PDB file of all heavy atoms in Angstrom:
ATOM      1  N   MET A   1     -26.173 -10.625  -3.960  1.00  0.00           N
ATOM      2  CA  MET A   1     -25.348  -9.807  -4.789  1.00  0.00           C
ATOM      3  C   MET A   1     -23.903  -9.939  -4.237  1.00  0.00           C
ATOM      4  O   MET A   1     -23.654  -9.718  -3.114  1.00  0.00           O
ATOM      5  CB  MET A   1     -25.834  -8.445  -5.016  1.00  0.00           C
ATOM      6  CG  MET A   1     -24.901  -7.585  -5.816  1.00  0.00           C
ATOM      7  SD  MET A   1     -25.649  -5.923  -6.231  1.00  0.00           S
ATOM      8  CE  MET A   1     -27.052  -6.348  -7.232  1.00  0.00           C
ATOM      9  N   PRO A   2     -22.802 -10.114  -5.092  1.00  0.00           N
ATOM     10  CA  PRO A   2     -21.479 -10.192  -4.723  1.00  0.00           C
ATOM     11  C   PRO A   2     -21.098  -8.847  -3.930  1.00  0.00           C
ATOM     12  O   PRO A   2     -21.528  -7.746  -4.432  1.00  0.00           O
ATOM     13  CB  PRO A   2     -20.659 -10.473  -5.924  1.00  0.00           C
ATOM     14  CG  PRO A   2     -21.548 -10.977  -6.887  1.00  0.00           C
ATOM     15  CD  PRO A   2     -22.922 -10.470  -6.630  1.00  0.00           C
ATOM     16  N   VAL A   3     -20.195  -9.027  -2.988  1.00  0.00           N
ATOM     17  CA  VAL A   3     -19.608  -7.804  -2.240  1.00  0.00           C
ATOM     18  C   VAL A   3     -18.426  -7.379  -3.029  1.00  0.00           C
ATOM     19  O   VAL A   3     -17.500  -8.098  -3.226  1.00  0.00           O
ATOM     20  CB  VAL A   3     -19.350  -8.155  -0.768  1.00  0.00           C
ATOM     21  CG1 VAL A   3     -18.722  -6.971  -0.133  1.00  0.00           C
ATOM     22  CG2 VAL A   3     -20.592  -8.605  -0.075  1.00  0.00           C
ATOM     23  N   ALA A   4     -18.419  -5.996  -3.309  1.00  0.00           N
ATOM     24  CA  ALA A   4     -17.349  -5.377  -4.046  1.00  0.00           C
ATOM     25  C   ALA A   4     -16.301  -5.015  -2.980  1.00  0.00           C
ATOM     26  O   ALA A   4     -16.660  -4.691  -1.879  1.00  0.00           O
ATOM     27  CB  ALA A   4     -17.801  -4.271  -4.951  1.00  0.00           C
ATOM     28  N   THR A   5     -15.154  -4.702  -3.351  1.00  0.00           N
ATOM     29  CA  THR A   5     -14.052  -4.166  -2.485  1.00  0.00           C
ATOM     30  C   THR A   5     -13.434  -3.077  -3.138  1.00  0.00           C
ATOM     31  O   THR A   5     -13.385  -2.844  -4.402  1.00  0.00           O
ATOM     32  CB  THR A   5     -12.928  -5.194  -2.183  1.00  0.00           C
ATOM     33  OG1 THR A   5     -12.300  -5.642  -3.322  1.00  0.00           O
ATOM     34  CG2 THR A   5     -13.549  -6.444  -1.379  1.00  0.00           C
ATOM     35  N   LEU A   6     -12.908  -2.085  -2.330  1.00  0.00           N
ATOM     36  CA  LEU A   6     -12.454  -0.752  -2.878  1.00  0.00           C
ATOM     37  C   LEU A   6     -11.190  -0.340  -2.071  1.00  0.00           C
ATOM     38  O   LEU A   6     -11.245  -0.350  -0.791  1.00  0.00           O
ATOM     39  CB  LEU A   6     -13.516   0.303  -2.729  1.00  0.00           C
ATOM     40  CG  LEU A   6     -13.309   1.562  -3.497  1.00  0.00           C
ATOM     41  CD1 LEU A   6     -13.411   1.222  -5.116  1.00  0.00           C
ATOM     42  CD2 LEU A   6     -14.426   2.522  -3.265  1.00  0.00           C
ATOM     43  N   PRO A   7     -10.025  -0.062  -2.614  1.00  0.00           N
ATOM     44  CA  PRO A   7      -8.892   0.360  -1.901  1.00  0.00           C
ATOM     45  C   PRO A   7      -9.200   1.756  -1.220  1.00  0.00           C
ATOM     46  O   PRO A   7     -10.141   2.413  -1.686  1.00  0.00           O
ATOM     47  CB  PRO A   7      -7.818   0.689  -3.067  1.00  0.00           C
ATOM     48  CG  PRO A   7      -8.325  -0.188  -4.261  1.00  0.00           C
ATOM     49  CD  PRO A   7      -9.752  -0.210  -4.253  1.00  0.00           C
ATOM     50  N   ALA A   8      -8.612   1.894  -0.073  1.00  0.00           N
ATOM     51  CA  ALA A   8      -9.000   3.058   0.744  1.00  0.00           C
ATOM     52  C   ALA A   8      -8.706   4.338  -0.005  1.00  0.00           C
ATOM     53  O   ALA A   8      -9.441   5.263   0.059  1.00  0.00           O
ATOM     54  CB  ALA A   8      -8.059   2.960   2.030  1.00  0.00           C
ATOM     55  N   THR A   9      -7.681   4.421  -0.842  1.00  0.00           N
ATOM     56  CA  THR A   9      -7.429   5.740  -1.577  1.00  0.00           C
ATOM     57  C   THR A   9      -8.469   5.952  -2.552  1.00  0.00           C
ATOM     58  O   THR A   9      -8.902   7.132  -2.787  1.00  0.00           O
ATOM     59  CB  THR A   9      -6.140   5.503  -2.376  1.00  0.00           C
ATOM     60  OG1 THR A   9      -6.119   4.285  -3.180  1.00  0.00           O
ATOM     61  CG2 THR A   9      -4.979   5.410  -1.449  1.00  0.00           C
ATOM     62  N   GLU A  10      -9.150   4.944  -3.149  1.00  0.00           N
ATOM     63  CA  GLU A  10     -10.351   5.052  -3.987  1.00  0.00           C
ATOM     64  C   GLU A  10     -11.567   5.350  -3.279  1.00  0.00           C
ATOM     65  O   GLU A  10     -12.375   6.129  -3.703  1.00  0.00           O
ATOM     66  CB  GLU A  10     -10.509   3.777  -4.919  1.00  0.00           C
ATOM     67  CG  GLU A  10     -11.518   3.985  -6.012  1.00  0.00           C
ATOM     68  CD  GLU A  10     -11.154   4.949  -7.206  1.00  0.00           C
ATOM     69  OE1 GLU A  10     -10.071   5.265  -7.048  1.00  0.00           O
ATOM     70  OE2 GLU A  10     -12.087   5.230  -7.912  1.00  0.00           O
ATOM     71  N   ALA A  11     -11.628   4.837  -2.017  1.00  0.00           N
ATOM     72  CA  ALA A  11     -12.859   5.199  -1.128  1.00  0.00           C
ATOM     73  C   ALA A  11     -12.838   6.594  -0.748  1.00  0.00           C
ATOM     74  O   ALA A  11     -13.876   7.311  -0.745  1.00  0.00           O
ATOM     75  CB  ALA A  11     -12.804   4.343   0.011  1.00  0.00           C
ATOM     76  N   LEU A  12     -11.625   7.201  -0.655  1.00  0.00           N
ATOM     77  CA  LEU A  12     -11.682   8.651  -0.303  1.00  0.00           C
ATOM     78  C   LEU A  12     -12.184   9.456  -1.437  1.00  0.00           C
ATOM     79  O   LEU A  12     -12.918  10.313  -1.295  1.00  0.00           O
ATOM     80  CB  LEU A  12     -10.227   9.079  -0.075  1.00  0.00           C
ATOM     81  CG  LEU A  12      -9.754   9.228   1.352  1.00  0.00           C
ATOM     82  CD1 LEU A  12      -9.575   8.015   2.082  1.00  0.00           C
ATOM     83  CD2 LEU A  12      -8.350  10.063   1.407  1.00  0.00           C
ATOM     84  N   ARG A  13     -11.830   9.091  -2.671  1.00  0.00           N
ATOM     85  CA  ARG A  13     -12.285   9.930  -3.919  1.00  0.00           C
ATOM     86  C   ARG A  13     -13.677   9.722  -4.110  1.00  0.00           C
ATOM     87  O   ARG A  13     -14.373  10.580  -4.470  1.00  0.00           O
ATOM     88  CB  ARG A  13     -11.480   9.440  -5.041  1.00  0.00           C
ATOM     89  CG  ARG A  13     -11.517  10.306  -6.285  1.00  0.00           C
ATOM     90  CD  ARG A  13     -10.775   9.877  -7.430  1.00  0.00           C
ATOM     91  NE  ARG A  13     -11.215   8.531  -7.933  1.00  0.00           N
ATOM     92  CZ  ARG A  13     -12.218   8.338  -8.747  1.00  0.00           C
ATOM     93  NH1 ARG A  13     -12.937   9.375  -9.240  1.00  0.00           N
ATOM     94  NH2 ARG A  13     -12.515   7.180  -9.239  1.00  0.00           N
ATOM     95  N   ARG A  14     -14.283   8.457  -3.820  1.00  0.00           N
ATOM     96  CA  ARG A  14     -15.594   8.172  -4.218  1.00  0.00           C
ATOM     97  C   ARG A  14     -16.697   8.184  -3.011  1.00  0.00           C
ATOM     98  O   ARG A  14     -17.694   7.691  -3.107  1.00  0.00           O
ATOM     99  CB  ARG A  14     -15.756   6.797  -4.885  1.00  0.00           C
ATOM    100  CG  ARG A  14     -15.063   6.777  -6.181  1.00  0.00           C
ATOM    101  CD  ARG A  14     -14.989   5.373  -6.740  1.00  0.00           C
ATOM    102  NE  ARG A  14     -16.379   4.706  -6.734  1.00  0.00           N
ATOM    103  CZ  ARG A  14     -16.667   3.434  -6.947  1.00  0.00           C
ATOM    104  NH1 ARG A  14     -15.552   2.583  -7.276  1.00  0.00           N
ATOM    105  NH2 ARG A  14     -17.932   3.002  -6.831  1.00  0.00           N
ATOM    106  N   LEU A  15     -16.161   8.762  -1.858  1.00  0.00           N
ATOM    107  CA  LEU A  15     -16.934   8.772  -0.669  1.00  0.00           C
ATOM    108  C   LEU A  15     -18.375   9.108  -0.878  1.00  0.00           C
ATOM    109  O   LEU A  15     -19.345   8.514  -0.294  1.00  0.00           O
ATOM    110  CB  LEU A  15     -16.231   9.470   0.488  1.00  0.00           C
ATOM    111  CG  LEU A  15     -16.895   9.555   1.849  1.00  0.00           C
ATOM    112  CD1 LEU A  15     -16.957   7.997   2.308  1.00  0.00           C
ATOM    113  CD2 LEU A  15     -16.200  10.465   2.770  1.00  0.00           C
ATOM    114  N   ASP A  16     -18.620  10.241  -1.496  1.00  0.00           N
ATOM    115  CA  ASP A  16     -19.870  10.824  -1.639  1.00  0.00           C
ATOM    116  C   ASP A  16     -20.765  10.036  -2.628  1.00  0.00           C
ATOM    117  O   ASP A  16     -22.024  10.464  -2.713  1.00  0.00           O
ATOM    118  CB  ASP A  16     -19.846  12.300  -2.035  1.00  0.00           C
ATOM    119  CG  ASP A  16     -19.141  13.097  -0.987  1.00  0.00           C
ATOM    120  OD1 ASP A  16     -19.333  12.847   0.136  1.00  0.00           O
ATOM    121  OD2 ASP A  16     -18.570  14.204  -1.340  1.00  0.00           O
ATOM    122  N   THR A  17     -20.362   9.007  -3.259  1.00  0.00           N
ATOM    123  CA  THR A  17     -21.152   8.314  -4.180  1.00  0.00           C
ATOM    124  C   THR A  17     -21.920   7.177  -3.486  1.00  0.00           C
ATOM    125  O   THR A  17     -22.780   6.568  -4.154  1.00  0.00           O
ATOM    126  CB  THR A  17     -20.325   7.642  -5.314  1.00  0.00           C
ATOM    127  OG1 THR A  17     -19.420   6.591  -4.844  1.00  0.00           O
ATOM    128  CG2 THR A  17     -19.411   8.704  -6.115  1.00  0.00           C
ATOM    129  N   PHE A  18     -21.712   6.953  -2.271  1.00  0.00           N
ATOM    130  CA  PHE A  18     -22.317   5.942  -1.501  1.00  0.00           C
ATOM    131  C   PHE A  18     -23.541   6.420  -0.701  1.00  0.00           C
ATOM    132  O   PHE A  18     -23.394   7.651  -0.275  1.00  0.00           O
ATOM    133  CB  PHE A  18     -21.471   5.219  -0.509  1.00  0.00           C
ATOM    134  CG  PHE A  18     -20.284   4.489  -1.325  1.00  0.00           C
ATOM    135  CD1 PHE A  18     -19.084   5.075  -1.506  1.00  0.00           C
ATOM    136  CD2 PHE A  18     -20.511   3.197  -1.823  1.00  0.00           C
ATOM    137  CE1 PHE A  18     -17.982   4.393  -2.053  1.00  0.00           C
ATOM    138  CE2 PHE A  18     -19.479   2.469  -2.448  1.00  0.00           C
ATOM    139  CZ  PHE A  18     -18.310   3.212  -2.567  1.00  0.00           C
ATOM    140  N   ASP A  19     -24.620   5.746  -0.676  1.00  0.00           N
ATOM    141  CA  ASP A  19     -25.778   6.212   0.066  1.00  0.00           C
ATOM    142  C   ASP A  19     -25.577   6.306   1.498  1.00  0.00           C
ATOM    143  O   ASP A  19     -26.136   7.179   2.243  1.00  0.00           O
ATOM    144  CB  ASP A  19     -26.984   5.171  -0.257  1.00  0.00           C
ATOM    145  CG  ASP A  19     -27.401   5.286  -1.712  1.00  0.00           C
ATOM    146  OD1 ASP A  19     -27.358   6.356  -2.277  1.00  0.00           O
ATOM    147  OD2 ASP A  19     -27.654   4.100  -2.217  1.00  0.00           O
ATOM    148  N   THR A  20     -24.827   5.272   2.090  1.00  0.00           N
ATOM    149  CA  THR A  20     -24.547   5.212   3.588  1.00  0.00           C
ATOM    150  C   THR A  20     -23.224   4.738   3.724  1.00  0.00           C
ATOM    151  O   THR A  20     -22.761   3.760   3.004  1.00  0.00           O
ATOM    152  CB  THR A  20     -25.741   4.368   4.304  1.00  0.00           C
ATOM    153  OG1 THR A  20     -26.999   4.667   3.806  1.00  0.00           O
ATOM    154  CG2 THR A  20     -25.449   4.430   5.723  1.00  0.00           C
ATOM    155  N   VAL A  21     -22.522   5.212   4.783  1.00  0.00           N
ATOM    156  CA  VAL A  21     -21.293   4.621   5.234  1.00  0.00           C
ATOM    157  C   VAL A  21     -21.459   4.011   6.577  1.00  0.00           C
ATOM    158  O   VAL A  21     -22.079   4.516   7.529  1.00  0.00           O
ATOM    159  CB  VAL A  21     -20.198   5.613   5.377  1.00  0.00           C
ATOM    160  CG1 VAL A  21     -18.758   4.993   5.752  1.00  0.00           C
ATOM    161  CG2 VAL A  21     -19.973   6.460   3.982  1.00  0.00           C
ATOM    162  N   ILE A  22     -21.170   2.713   6.681  1.00  0.00           N
ATOM    163  CA  ILE A  22     -21.461   1.972   7.899  1.00  0.00           C
ATOM    164  C   ILE A  22     -20.081   1.502   8.569  1.00  0.00           C
ATOM    165  O   ILE A  22     -19.277   0.794   7.990  1.00  0.00           O
ATOM    166  CB  ILE A  22     -22.269   0.658   7.573  1.00  0.00           C
ATOM    167  CG1 ILE A  22     -23.506   0.998   6.941  1.00  0.00           C
ATOM    168  CG2 ILE A  22     -22.481  -0.109   8.865  1.00  0.00           C
ATOM    169  CD1 ILE A  22     -24.536  -0.041   6.601  1.00  0.00           C
ATOM    170  N   ASP A  23     -19.941   1.855   9.873  1.00  0.00           N
ATOM    171  CA  ASP A  23     -18.836   1.547  10.626  1.00  0.00           C
ATOM    172  C   ASP A  23     -19.183   0.240  11.467  1.00  0.00           C
ATOM    173  O   ASP A  23     -20.082   0.381  12.400  1.00  0.00           O
ATOM    174  CB  ASP A  23     -18.358   2.565  11.527  1.00  0.00           C
ATOM    175  CG  ASP A  23     -17.237   2.411  12.339  1.00  0.00           C
ATOM    176  OD1 ASP A  23     -16.622   1.202  12.492  1.00  0.00           O
ATOM    177  OD2 ASP A  23     -16.574   3.395  13.001  1.00  0.00           O
ATOM    178  N   ALA A  24     -18.666  -0.871  11.147  1.00  0.00           N
ATOM    179  CA  ALA A  24     -19.055  -2.071  11.962  1.00  0.00           C
ATOM    180  C   ALA A  24     -18.161  -2.371  13.213  1.00  0.00           C
ATOM    181  O   ALA A  24     -18.353  -3.352  13.779  1.00  0.00           O
ATOM    182  CB  ALA A  24     -18.868  -3.369  10.978  1.00  0.00           C
ATOM    183  N   ARG A  25     -17.394  -1.461  13.552  1.00  0.00           N
ATOM    184  CA  ARG A  25     -16.545  -1.525  14.916  1.00  0.00           C
ATOM    185  C   ARG A  25     -17.374  -1.233  16.012  1.00  0.00           C
ATOM    186  O   ARG A  25     -18.465  -0.870  15.977  1.00  0.00           O
ATOM    187  CB  ARG A  25     -15.338  -0.616  14.758  1.00  0.00           C
ATOM    188  CG  ARG A  25     -14.422  -0.890  13.558  1.00  0.00           C
ATOM    189  CD  ARG A  25     -13.356   0.215  13.516  1.00  0.00           C
ATOM    190  NE  ARG A  25     -13.997   1.577  13.344  1.00  0.00           N
ATOM    191  CZ  ARG A  25     -13.367   2.732  13.766  1.00  0.00           C
ATOM    192  NH1 ARG A  25     -12.131   2.763  14.189  1.00  0.00           N
ATOM    193  NH2 ARG A  25     -13.893   3.882  13.587  1.00  0.00           N
ATOM    194  N   SER A  26     -16.840  -1.312  17.101  1.00  0.00           N
ATOM    195  CA  SER A  26     -17.530  -1.120  18.479  1.00  0.00           C
ATOM    196  C   SER A  26     -17.822   0.392  18.642  1.00  0.00           C
ATOM    197  O   SER A  26     -17.280   1.276  18.008  1.00  0.00           O
ATOM    198  CB  SER A  26     -16.646  -1.548  19.579  1.00  0.00           C
ATOM    199  OG  SER A  26     -15.641  -0.815  19.789  1.00  0.00           O
TER     200      SER A  26
END
């Protein structure tokens, strides 16, 4: 499935609509 992208401002508004938030940093 293609990966979607989302501007950070929209990610703030829609944060609770995602099942999991994953930080790929160290």
